PDB file of all heavy atoms in Angstrom:
ATOM      1  N   LEU A   1      87.704  82.827 -14.368  1.00  0.00           N
ATOM      2  CA  LEU A   1      86.855  83.821 -13.690  1.00  0.00           C
ATOM      3  C   LEU A   1      87.491  84.274 -12.372  1.00  0.00           C
ATOM      4  O   LEU A   1      87.488  85.471 -12.068  1.00  0.00           O
ATOM      5  CB  LEU A   1      85.458  83.225 -13.421  1.00  0.00           C
ATOM      6  CG  LEU A   1      84.530  83.082 -14.619  1.00  0.00           C
ATOM      7  CD1 LEU A   1      83.339  82.222 -14.285  1.00  0.00           C
ATOM      8  CD2 LEU A   1      84.104  84.466 -15.121  1.00  0.00           C
ATOM      9  N   ASP A   2      88.032  83.336 -11.607  1.00  0.00           N
ATOM     10  CA  ASP A   2      88.693  83.673 -10.345  1.00  0.00           C
ATOM     11  C   ASP A   2      89.921  84.589 -10.619  1.00  0.00           C
ATOM     12  O   ASP A   2      90.145  85.575  -9.897  1.00  0.00           O
ATOM     13  CB  ASP A   2      89.177  82.438  -9.623  1.00  0.00           C
ATOM     14  CG  ASP A   2      88.014  81.611  -9.058  1.00  0.00           C
ATOM     15  OD1 ASP A   2      86.877  82.141  -8.965  1.00  0.00           O
ATOM     16  OD2 ASP A   2      88.230  80.435  -8.728  1.00  0.00           O
ATOM     17  N   MET A   3      90.654  84.276 -11.664  1.00  0.00           N
ATOM     18  CA  MET A   3      91.826  85.087 -12.010  1.00  0.00           C
ATOM     19  C   MET A   3      91.385  86.506 -12.402  1.00  0.00           C
ATOM     20  O   MET A   3      91.993  87.502 -11.958  1.00  0.00           O
ATOM     21  CB  MET A   3      92.599  84.453 -13.159  1.00  0.00           C
ATOM     22  CG  MET A   3      93.812  85.221 -13.641  1.00  0.00           C
ATOM     23  SD  MET A   3      94.612  84.455 -15.089  1.00  0.00           S
ATOM     24  CE  MET A   3      93.279  84.534 -16.298  1.00  0.00           C
ATOM     25  N   LEU A   4      90.357  86.605 -13.214  1.00  0.00           N
ATOM     26  CA  LEU A   4      89.855  87.928 -13.616  1.00  0.00           C
ATOM     27  C   LEU A   4      89.336  88.690 -12.427  1.00  0.00           C
ATOM     28  O   LEU A   4      89.516  89.931 -12.331  1.00  0.00           O
ATOM     29  CB  LEU A   4      88.797  87.780 -14.692  1.00  0.00           C
ATOM     30  CG  LEU A   4      89.294  87.353 -16.066  1.00  0.00           C
ATOM     31  CD1 LEU A   4      88.155  86.850 -16.938  1.00  0.00           C
ATOM     32  CD2 LEU A   4      90.036  88.507 -16.731  1.00  0.00           C
ATOM     33  N   SER A   5      88.697  88.031 -11.505  1.00  0.00           N
ATOM     34  CA  SER A   5      88.197  88.682 -10.297  1.00  0.00           C
ATOM     35  C   SER A   5      89.348  89.175  -9.415  1.00  0.00           C
ATOM     36  O   SER A   5      89.289  90.275  -8.864  1.00  0.00           O
ATOM     37  CB  SER A   5      87.305  87.699  -9.523  1.00  0.00           C
ATOM     38  OG  SER A   5      86.820  88.303  -8.353  1.00  0.00           O
ATOM     39  N   ALA A   6      90.380  88.376  -9.322  1.00  0.00           N
ATOM     40  CA  ALA A   6      91.524  88.761  -8.462  1.00  0.00           C
ATOM     41  C   ALA A   6      92.389  89.853  -9.074  1.00  0.00           C
ATOM     42  O   ALA A   6      93.131  90.532  -8.383  1.00  0.00           O
ATOM     43  CB  ALA A   6      92.395  87.514  -8.190  1.00  0.00           C
ATOM     44  N   HIS A   7      92.285  90.031 -10.402  1.00  0.00           N
ATOM     45  CA  HIS A   7      93.105  91.012 -11.116  1.00  0.00           C
ATOM     46  C   HIS A   7      92.211  91.900 -11.956  1.00  0.00           C
ATOM     47  O   HIS A   7      92.096  91.705 -13.201  1.00  0.00           O
ATOM     48  CB  HIS A   7      94.152  90.290 -11.976  1.00  0.00           C
ATOM     49  CG  HIS A   7      95.040  89.400 -11.201  1.00  0.00           C
ATOM     50  ND1 HIS A   7      96.112  89.854 -10.501  1.00  0.00           N
ATOM     51  CD2 HIS A   7      94.986  88.052 -11.002  1.00  0.00           C
ATOM     52  CE1 HIS A   7      96.710  88.853  -9.894  1.00  0.00           C
ATOM     53  NE2 HIS A   7      96.049  87.739 -10.176  1.00  0.00           N
ATOM     54  N   PRO A   8      91.560  92.900 -11.360  1.00  0.00           N
ATOM     55  CA  PRO A   8      90.561  93.697 -12.058  1.00  0.00           C
ATOM     56  C   PRO A   8      91.089  94.512 -13.225  1.00  0.00           C
ATOM     57  O   PRO A   8      90.331  94.951 -14.074  1.00  0.00           O
ATOM     58  CB  PRO A   8      89.988  94.591 -10.982  1.00  0.00           C
ATOM     59  CG  PRO A   8      90.896  94.511  -9.819  1.00  0.00           C
ATOM     60  CD  PRO A   8      91.664  93.254  -9.946  1.00  0.00           C
ATOM     61  N   ASP A   9      92.392  94.703 -13.307  1.00  0.00           N
ATOM     62  CA  ASP A   9      92.966  95.445 -14.441  1.00  0.00           C
ATOM     63  C   ASP A   9      93.354  94.542 -15.604  1.00  0.00           C
ATOM     64  O   ASP A   9      93.770  95.041 -16.663  1.00  0.00           O
ATOM     65  CB  ASP A   9      94.192  96.252 -14.001  1.00  0.00           C
ATOM     66  CG  ASP A   9      93.816  97.365 -13.017  1.00  0.00           C
ATOM     67  OD1 ASP A   9      92.670  97.838 -13.074  1.00  0.00           O
ATOM     68  OD2 ASP A   9      94.672  97.733 -12.211  1.00  0.00           O
ATOM     69  N   LEU A  10      93.234  93.233 -15.415  1.00  0.00           N
ATOM     70  CA  LEU A  10      93.626  92.287 -16.459  1.00  0.00           C
ATOM     71  C   LEU A  10      92.648  92.318 -17.635  1.00  0.00           C
ATOM     72  O   LEU A  10      91.427  92.303 -17.445  1.00  0.00           O
ATOM     73  CB  LEU A  10      93.660  90.871 -15.866  1.00  0.00           C
ATOM     74  CG  LEU A  10      94.136  89.744 -16.774  1.00  0.00           C
ATOM     75  CD1 LEU A  10      95.589  89.963 -17.188  1.00  0.00           C
ATOM     76  CD2 LEU A  10      94.001  88.416 -16.051  1.00  0.00           C
ATOM     77  N   ARG A  11      93.198  92.393 -18.830  1.00  0.00           N
ATOM     78  CA  ARG A  11      92.412  92.362 -20.071  1.00  0.00           C
ATOM     79  C   ARG A  11      92.958  91.200 -20.924  1.00  0.00           C
ATOM     80  O   ARG A  11      94.156  91.024 -21.025  1.00  0.00           O
ATOM     81  CB  ARG A  11      92.514  93.700 -20.802  1.00  0.00           C
ATOM     82  CG  ARG A  11      92.034  94.877 -19.958  1.00  0.00           C
ATOM     83  CD  ARG A  11      92.353  96.201 -20.610  1.00  0.00           C
ATOM     84  NE  ARG A  11      91.613  96.440 -21.819  1.00  0.00           N
ATOM     85  CZ  ARG A  11      90.400  96.984 -21.885  1.00  0.00           C
ATOM     86  NH1 ARG A  11      89.795  97.365 -20.775  1.00  0.00           N
ATOM     87  NH2 ARG A  11      89.789  97.170 -23.030  1.00  0.00           N
ATOM     88  N   LEU A  12      92.029  90.481 -21.538  1.00  0.00           N
ATOM     89  CA  LEU A  12      92.426  89.291 -22.291  1.00  0.00           C
ATOM     90  C   LEU A  12      91.915  89.305 -23.728  1.00  0.00           C
ATOM     91  O   LEU A  12      90.833  89.799 -23.998  1.00  0.00           O
ATOM     92  CB  LEU A  12      91.854  88.016 -21.618  1.00  0.00           C
ATOM     93  CG  LEU A  12      92.303  87.706 -20.208  1.00  0.00           C
ATOM     94  CD1 LEU A  12      91.527  86.502 -19.670  1.00  0.00           C
ATOM     95  CD2 LEU A  12      93.790  87.450 -20.147  1.00  0.00           C
ATOM     96  N   VAL A  13      92.709  88.695 -24.598  1.00  0.00           N
ATOM     97  CA  VAL A  13      92.279  88.346 -25.948  1.00  0.00           C
ATOM     98  C   VAL A  13      92.086  86.848 -25.949  1.00  0.00           C
ATOM     99  O   VAL A  13      93.010  86.091 -25.570  1.00  0.00           O
ATOM    100  CB  VAL A  13      93.298  88.758 -27.032  1.00  0.00           C
ATOM    101  CG1 VAL A  13      92.808  88.347 -28.403  1.00  0.00           C
ATOM    102  CG2 VAL A  13      93.563  90.262 -26.968  1.00  0.00           C
ATOM    103  N   ILE A  14      90.913  86.386 -26.311  1.00  0.00           N
ATOM    104  CA  ILE A  14      90.571  84.963 -26.350  1.00  0.00           C
ATOM    105  C   ILE A  14      90.741  84.517 -27.787  1.00  0.00           C
ATOM    106  O   ILE A  14      90.032  84.995 -28.681  1.00  0.00           O
ATOM    107  CB  ILE A  14      89.158  84.721 -25.831  1.00  0.00           C
ATOM    108  CG1 ILE A  14      89.043  85.277 -24.402  1.00  0.00           C
ATOM    109  CG2 ILE A  14      88.818  83.217 -25.883  1.00  0.00           C
ATOM    110  CD1 ILE A  14      87.596  85.480 -23.974  1.00  0.00           C
ATOM    111  N   GLU A  15      91.691  83.648 -28.040  1.00  0.00           N
ATOM    112  CA  GLU A  15      92.022  83.190 -29.391  1.00  0.00           C
ATOM    113  C   GLU A  15      91.550  81.777 -29.634  1.00  0.00           C
ATOM    114  O   GLU A  15      91.884  80.869 -28.870  1.00  0.00           O
ATOM    115  CB  GLU A  15      93.553  83.240 -29.618  1.00  0.00           C
ATOM    116  CG  GLU A  15      94.105  84.628 -29.518  1.00  0.00           C
ATOM    117  CD  GLU A  15      95.586  84.675 -29.833  1.00  0.00           C
ATOM    118  OE1 GLU A  15      96.251  83.600 -29.906  1.00  0.00           O
ATOM    119  OE2 GLU A  15      96.137  85.782 -30.000  1.00  0.00           O
ATOM    120  N   GLY A  16      90.760  81.567 -30.689  1.00  0.00           N
ATOM    121  CA  GLY A  16      90.318  80.241 -31.075  1.00  0.00           C
ATOM    122  C   GLY A  16      91.142  79.699 -32.206  1.00  0.00           C
ATOM    123  O   GLY A  16      91.571  80.445 -33.080  1.00  0.00           O
ATOM    124  N   HIS A  17      91.372  78.382 -32.183  1.00  0.00           N
ATOM    125  CA  HIS A  17      92.206  77.702 -33.194  1.00  0.00           C
ATOM    126  C   HIS A  17      91.566  76.373 -33.562  1.00  0.00           C
ATOM    127  O   HIS A  17      90.779  75.814 -32.808  1.00  0.00           O
ATOM    128  CB  HIS A  17      93.603  77.440 -32.628  1.00  0.00           C
ATOM    129  CG  HIS A  17      94.315  78.695 -32.212  1.00  0.00           C
ATOM    130  ND1 HIS A  17      95.046  79.462 -33.046  1.00  0.00           N
ATOM    131  CD2 HIS A  17      94.381  79.273 -30.990  1.00  0.00           C
ATOM    132  CE1 HIS A  17      95.560  80.495 -32.401  1.00  0.00           C
ATOM    133  NE2 HIS A  17      95.143  80.412 -31.138  1.00  0.00           N
ATOM    134  N   THR A  18      91.916  75.877 -34.756  1.00  0.00           N
ATOM    135  CA  THR A  18      91.455  74.588 -35.220  1.00  0.00           C
ATOM    136  C   THR A  18      92.594  73.795 -35.824  1.00  0.00           C
ATOM    137  O   THR A  18      93.710  74.361 -36.001  1.00  0.00           O
ATOM    138  CB  THR A  18      90.369  74.717 -36.309  1.00  0.00           C
ATOM    139  OG1 THR A  18      90.960  75.307 -37.470  1.00  0.00           O
ATOM    140  CG2 THR A  18      89.198  75.537 -35.864  1.00  0.00           C
ATOM    141  N   ASP A  19      92.356  72.541 -36.179  1.00  0.00           N
ATOM    142  CA  ASP A  19      93.340  71.792 -36.941  1.00  0.00           C
ATOM    143  C   ASP A  19      93.143  72.148 -38.420  1.00  0.00           C
ATOM    144  O   ASP A  19      92.379  73.017 -38.753  1.00  0.00           O
ATOM    145  CB  ASP A  19      93.195  70.276 -36.666  1.00  0.00           C
ATOM    146  CG  ASP A  19      91.832  69.736 -37.043  1.00  0.00           C
ATOM    147  OD1 ASP A  19      91.159  70.307 -37.934  1.00  0.00           O
ATOM    148  OD2 ASP A  19      91.429  68.722 -36.467  1.00  0.00           O
ATOM    149  N   ASN A  20      93.844  71.459 -39.302  1.00  0.00           N
ATOM    150  CA  ASN A  20      93.762  71.797 -40.727  1.00  0.00           C
ATOM    151  C   ASN A  20      92.849  70.872 -41.533  1.00  0.00           C
ATOM    152  O   ASN A  20      92.906  70.863 -42.743  1.00  0.00           O
ATOM    153  CB  ASN A  20      95.182  71.815 -41.344  1.00  0.00           C
ATOM    154  CG  ASN A  20      95.817  70.452 -41.426  1.00  0.00           C
ATOM    155  OD1 ASN A  20      95.301  69.472 -40.847  1.00  0.00           O
ATOM    156  ND2 ASN A  20      96.921  70.347 -42.135  1.00  0.00           N
ATOM    157  N   VAL A  21      92.014  70.084 -40.863  1.00  0.00           N
ATOM    158  CA  VAL A  21      91.094  69.180 -41.547  1.00  0.00           C
ATOM    159  C   VAL A  21      89.864  69.993 -41.990  1.00  0.00           C
ATOM    160  O   VAL A  21      89.279  70.721 -41.219  1.00  0.00           O
ATOM    161  CB  VAL A  21      90.688  68.035 -40.623  1.00  0.00           C
ATOM    162  CG1 VAL A  21      89.622  67.157 -41.289  1.00  0.00           C
ATOM    163  CG2 VAL A  21      91.886  67.201 -40.221  1.00  0.00           C
ATOM    164  N   GLY A  22      89.513  69.839 -43.254  1.00  0.00           N
ATOM    165  CA  GLY A  22      88.342  70.511 -43.785  1.00  0.00           C
ATOM    166  C   GLY A  22      88.659  71.869 -44.411  1.00  0.00           C
ATOM    167  O   GLY A  22      89.818  72.249 -44.570  1.00  0.00           O
ATOM    168  N   ASP A  23      87.614  72.560 -44.775  1.00  0.00           N
ATOM    169  CA  ASP A  23      87.681  73.826 -45.454  1.00  0.00           C
ATOM    170  C   ASP A  23      88.274  74.912 -44.523  1.00  0.00           C
ATOM    171  O   ASP A  23      87.815  75.089 -43.411  1.00  0.00           O
ATOM    172  CB  ASP A  23      86.285  74.232 -45.939  1.00  0.00           C
ATOM    173  CG  ASP A  23      86.235  75.547 -46.606  1.00  0.00           C
ATOM    174  OD1 ASP A  23      86.699  75.655 -47.761  1.00  0.00           O
ATOM    175  OD2 ASP A  23      85.769  76.509 -45.961  1.00  0.00           O
ATOM    176  N   SER A  24      89.239  75.669 -45.017  1.00  0.00           N
ATOM    177  CA  SER A  24      89.865  76.688 -44.185  1.00  0.00           C
ATOM    178  C   SER A  24      88.899  77.796 -43.785  1.00  0.00           C
ATOM    179  O   SER A  24      88.984  78.326 -42.684  1.00  0.00           O
ATOM    180  CB  SER A  24      91.113  77.247 -44.856  1.00  0.00           C
ATOM    181  OG  SER A  24      90.783  77.920 -46.053  1.00  0.00           O
ATOM    182  N   GLY A  25      87.975  78.138 -44.636  1.00  0.00           N
ATOM    183  CA  GLY A  25      86.962  79.148 -44.300  1.00  0.00           C
ATOM    184  C   GLY A  25      86.063  78.689 -43.170  1.00  0.00           C
ATOM    185  O   GLY A  25      85.762  79.444 -42.241  1.00  0.00           O
ATOM    186  N   LYS A  26      85.674  77.440 -43.229  1.00  0.00           N
ATOM    187  CA  LYS A  26      84.815  76.881 -42.150  1.00  0.00           C
ATOM    188  C   LYS A  26      85.657  76.758 -40.880  1.00  0.00           C
ATOM    189  O   LYS A  26      85.100  76.977 -39.787  1.00  0.00           O
ATOM    190  CB  LYS A  26      84.267  75.539 -42.575  1.00  0.00           C
ATOM    191  CG  LYS A  26      83.187  75.646 -43.625  1.00  0.00           C
ATOM    192  CD  LYS A  26      82.641  74.301 -44.048  1.00  0.00           C
ATOM    193  CE  LYS A  26      81.619  74.470 -45.142  1.00  0.00           C
ATOM    194  NZ  LYS A  26      81.118  73.204 -45.630  1.00  0.00           N
ATOM    195  N   ASN A  27      86.904  76.415 -40.986  1.00  0.00           N
ATOM    196  CA  ASN A  27      87.760  76.343 -39.777  1.00  0.00           C
ATOM    197  C   ASN A  27      87.910  77.716 -39.144  1.00  0.00           C
ATOM    198  O   ASN A  27      87.911  77.847 -37.919  1.00  0.00           O
ATOM    199  CB  ASN A  27      89.126  75.765 -40.126  1.00  0.00           C
ATOM    200  CG  ASN A  27      89.069  74.253 -40.281  1.00  0.00           C
ATOM    201  OD1 ASN A  27      88.176  73.583 -39.804  1.00  0.00           O
ATOM    202  ND2 ASN A  27      90.055  73.714 -40.987  1.00  0.00           N
ATOM    203  N   LYS A  28      88.025  78.742 -39.951  1.00  0.00           N
ATOM    204  CA  LYS A  28      88.123  80.116 -39.410  1.00  0.00           C
ATOM    205  C   LYS A  28      86.871  80.440 -38.648  1.00  0.00           C
ATOM    206  O   LYS A  28      86.920  80.965 -37.511  1.00  0.00           O
ATOM    207  CB  LYS A  28      88.358  81.116 -40.551  1.00  0.00           C
ATOM    208  CG  LYS A  28      88.323  82.562 -40.140  1.00  0.00           C
ATOM    209  CD  LYS A  28      89.676  83.174 -40.143  1.00  0.00           C
ATOM    210  CE  LYS A  28      89.673  84.672 -39.988  1.00  0.00           C
ATOM    211  NZ  LYS A  28      89.420  85.156 -38.676  1.00  0.00           N
ATOM    212  N   THR A  29      85.697  80.159 -39.238  1.00  0.00           N
ATOM    213  CA  THR A  29      84.434  80.406 -38.570  1.00  0.00           C
ATOM    214  C   THR A  29      84.336  79.608 -37.275  1.00  0.00           C
ATOM    215  O   THR A  29      83.923  80.144 -36.214  1.00  0.00           O
ATOM    216  CB  THR A  29      83.264  80.073 -39.494  1.00  0.00           C
ATOM    217  OG1 THR A  29      83.342  80.916 -40.660  1.00  0.00           O
ATOM    218  CG2 THR A  29      81.913  80.290 -38.831  1.00  0.00           C
ATOM    219  N   LEU A  30      84.713  78.342 -37.300  1.00  0.00           N
ATOM    220  CA  LEU A  30      84.657  77.504 -36.140  1.00  0.00           C
ATOM    221  C   LEU A  30      85.576  78.092 -35.037  1.00  0.00           C
ATOM    222  O   LEU A  30      85.160  78.138 -33.852  1.00  0.00           O
ATOM    223  CB  LEU A  30      85.090  76.067 -36.476  1.00  0.00           C
ATOM    224  CG  LEU A  30      85.180  75.115 -35.280  1.00  0.00           C
ATOM    225  CD1 LEU A  30      83.863  74.943 -34.575  1.00  0.00           C
ATOM    226  CD2 LEU A  30      85.708  73.745 -35.787  1.00  0.00           C
ATOM    227  N   SER A  31      86.750  78.533 -35.388  1.00  0.00           N
ATOM    228  CA  SER A  31      87.666  79.080 -34.384  1.00  0.00           C
ATOM    229  C   SER A  31      87.122  80.363 -33.789  1.00  0.00           C
ATOM    230  O   SER A  31      87.247  80.594 -32.572  1.00  0.00           O
ATOM    231  CB  SER A  31      89.046  79.296 -34.993  1.00  0.00           C
ATOM    232  OG  SER A  31      89.034  80.331 -35.967  1.00  0.00           O
ATOM    233  N   GLU A  32      86.430  81.175 -34.596  1.00  0.00           N
ATOM    234  CA  GLU A  32      85.813  82.385 -34.085  1.00  0.00           C
ATOM    235  C   GLU A  32      84.692  82.038 -33.100  1.00  0.00           C
ATOM    236  O   GLU A  32      84.543  82.655 -32.050  1.00  0.00           O
ATOM    237  CB  GLU A  32      85.277  83.229 -35.247  1.00  0.00           C
ATOM    238  CG  GLU A  32      86.343  83.853 -36.089  1.00  0.00           C
ATOM    239  CD  GLU A  32      85.855  84.427 -37.398  1.00  0.00           C
ATOM    240  OE1 GLU A  32      84.673  84.171 -37.778  1.00  0.00           O
ATOM    241  OE2 GLU A  32      86.652  85.111 -38.084  1.00  0.00           O
ATOM    242  N   GLN A  33      83.889  81.025 -33.467  1.00  0.00           N
ATOM    243  CA  GLN A  33      82.799  80.599 -32.582  1.00  0.00           C
ATOM    244  C   GLN A  33      83.340  80.031 -31.271  1.00  0.00           C
ATOM    245  O   GLN A  33      82.770  80.256 -30.211  1.00  0.00           O
ATOM    246  CB  GLN A  33      81.947  79.559 -33.290  1.00  0.00           C
ATOM    247  CG  GLN A  33      81.161  80.106 -34.451  1.00  0.00           C
ATOM    248  CD  GLN A  33      80.482  79.051 -35.298  1.00  0.00           C
ATOM    249  OE1 GLN A  33      80.863  77.849 -35.265  1.00  0.00           O
ATOM    250  NE2 GLN A  33      79.517  79.441 -36.096  1.00  0.00           N
ATOM    251  N   ARG A  34      84.454  79.297 -31.366  1.00  0.00           N
ATOM    252  CA  ARG A  34      85.062  78.712 -30.178  1.00  0.00           C
ATOM    253  C   ARG A  34      85.515  79.799 -29.220  1.00  0.00           C
ATOM    254  O   ARG A  34      85.245  79.742 -28.005  1.00  0.00           O
ATOM    255  CB  ARG A  34      86.257  77.861 -30.657  1.00  0.00           C
ATOM    256  CG  ARG A  34      86.840  76.939 -29.671  1.00  0.00           C
ATOM    257  CD  ARG A  34      87.854  76.026 -30.336  1.00  0.00           C
ATOM    258  NE  ARG A  34      87.160  74.897 -30.936  1.00  0.00           N
ATOM    259  CZ  ARG A  34      87.603  74.101 -31.871  1.00  0.00           C
ATOM    260  NH1 ARG A  34      88.808  74.323 -32.393  1.00  0.00           N
ATOM    261  NH2 ARG A  34      86.929  73.092 -32.329  1.00  0.00           N
TER     262      ARG A  34
END
C-alpha cells in the first residue's frame, strides 16, 4: 500500500499460485481466490 501510494502511476498484476497437490481445476480456483 505504501509503495502504491508513493508511486501513483504504478499498475500491478497480482498473480496467485499453488503447489501441484490435488485437483488442478481446484488449484486454479484457489490461486484465483488467493
